[in-house]
Amino acid sequence: MNIITEIVTLKTAEGVFKDDFIEIVDGLEKNFHSLQFGFIDTELLYDDTNDEWVMLQHWSTMDSLKAASKKMFQDSAAEEFVKSLIPGSVKMRMLPQVKTWRLE
């Protein structure tokens, strides 16, 4: 199965601390993303050197990803997340999976 990976880099607004943001993302994943058709999973990463967050998400199709992305900015379950960001810092890439390798 070829899935879609979304790579989002972002910075949080002043006054939003790491633990706060992790809790905000937890709410976003439980109350929004996990309820969207085609959602598979999310991984949250933090780059100390750039004070930047990275979210990796997997979706079953590009259409599912695009529908959820459009809906996110209109859904109250995502409101706290959206408000916690520096808007100009958000960069998104959506890429189809070509191949995977796993250690057995």
Protein backbone atom coordinates (compact mmCIF):
# COMPACT_ATOMS: atom_id res chain seq x y z
CA MET A 1 0.00 0.00 0.00
CA ASN A 2 1.41 3.39 -0.97
CA ILE A 3 0.50 6.03 1.54
CA ILE A 4 0.91 9.81 1.64
CA THR A 5 3.31 11.44 4.08
CA GLU A 6 2.75 15.01 5.15
CA ILE A 7 5.77 16.83 6.57
CA VAL A 8 4.88 20.01 8.44
CA THR A 9 7.47 22.32 10.00
CA LEU A 10 6.31 25.07 12.31
CA LYS A 11 7.16 27.34 15.21
CA THR A 12 4.97 28.11 18.17
CA ALA A 13 3.82 31.53 19.27
CA GLU A 14 5.59 33.31 22.10
CA GLY A 15 4.53 31.94 25.48
CA VAL A 16 3.67 28.45 24.16
CA PHE A 17 6.12 26.15 25.93
CA LYS A 18 7.17 22.64 24.85
CA ASP A 19 5.00 20.77 27.36
CA ASP A 20 2.03 23.01 26.52
CA PHE A 21 2.43 22.36 22.81
CA ILE A 22 2.73 18.60 23.26
CA GLU A 23 -0.57 18.69 25.18
CA ILE A 24 -2.16 20.86 22.47
CA VAL A 25 -1.05 18.42 19.75
CA ASP A 26 -2.31 15.51 21.85
CA GLY A 27 -5.76 17.12 21.86
CA LEU A 28 -5.55 17.81 18.12
CA GLU A 29 -4.70 14.18 17.38
CA LYS A 30 -7.38 12.71 19.68
CA ASN A 31 -10.16 15.17 18.84
CA PHE A 32 -9.50 15.98 15.19
CA HIS A 33 -6.97 14.00 13.14
CA SER A 34 -7.90 10.56 14.49
CA LEU A 35 -11.52 11.22 13.46
CA GLN A 36 -10.67 12.08 9.85
CA PHE A 37 -11.18 9.57 7.06
CA GLY A 38 -7.86 8.15 5.83
CA PHE A 39 -5.77 9.22 8.84
CA ILE A 40 -3.10 6.67 9.83
CA ASP A 41 -0.76 8.28 12.39
CA THR A 42 1.23 11.33 13.49
CA GLU A 43 4.74 11.69 14.85
CA LEU A 44 5.83 14.90 16.61
CA LEU A 45 9.51 15.91 16.56
CA TYR A 46 11.40 18.91 17.94
CA ASP A 47 14.58 20.52 16.63
CA ASP A 48 16.31 22.35 19.52
CA THR A 49 18.82 24.04 17.23
CA ASN A 50 16.11 25.87 15.25
CA ASP A 51 13.38 25.97 17.91
CA GLU A 52 11.18 24.27 15.32
CA TRP A 53 8.60 21.49 15.48
CA VAL A 54 8.13 18.85 12.79
CA MET A 55 4.96 16.81 12.40
CA LEU A 56 5.01 13.70 10.23
CA GLN A 57 1.61 12.36 9.30
CA HIS A 58 0.57 9.40 7.24
CA TRP A 59 -2.66 9.26 5.25
CA SER A 60 -4.24 6.59 3.09
CA THR A 61 -4.78 8.95 0.14
CA MET A 62 -3.89 12.46 -1.00
CA ASP A 63 -7.60 13.31 -1.14
CA SER A 64 -8.02 12.36 2.54
CA LEU A 65 -5.08 14.52 3.52
CA LYS A 66 -6.29 17.52 1.53
CA ALA A 67 -9.83 17.25 2.89
CA ALA A 68 -8.59 17.12 6.49
CA SER A 69 -6.19 20.03 5.94
CA LYS A 70 -9.00 22.18 4.55
CA LYS A 71 -11.37 21.22 7.37
CA MET A 72 -8.80 21.81 10.12
CA PHE A 73 -8.96 25.60 9.92
CA GLN A 74 -12.74 25.51 10.31
CA ASP A 75 -13.04 22.90 13.08
CA SER A 76 -13.25 23.99 16.74
CA ALA A 77 -11.23 20.90 17.78
CA ALA A 78 -8.22 22.39 15.98
CA GLU A 79 -8.68 25.98 17.16
CA GLU A 80 -6.21 25.84 20.07
CA PHE A 81 -3.57 24.27 17.82
CA VAL A 82 -3.99 26.92 15.11
CA LYS A 83 -3.80 29.73 17.67
CA SER A 84 -0.57 28.30 19.14
CA LEU A 85 1.36 28.72 15.86
CA ILE A 86 3.31 31.51 14.24
CA PRO A 87 1.34 31.48 10.96
CA GLY A 88 4.21 32.44 8.65
CA SER A 89 6.37 29.63 10.06
CA VAL A 90 4.14 26.78 8.86
CA LYS A 91 5.49 24.89 5.86
CA MET A 92 3.82 21.78 4.47
CA ARG A 93 4.95 19.10 2.06
CA MET A 94 2.75 16.23 0.87
CA LEU A 95 4.59 13.34 -0.72
CA PRO A 96 3.52 9.91 -1.96
CA GLN A 97 5.40 6.94 -0.59
CA VAL A 98 7.55 5.19 -3.15
CA LYS A 99 8.97 2.27 -1.15
CA THR A 100 9.58 1.20 2.46
CA TRP A 101 12.19 -0.97 4.15
CA ARG A 102 11.86 -2.56 7.58
CA LEU A 103 14.15 -4.60 9.74
CA GLU A 104 12.62 -7.99 10.41
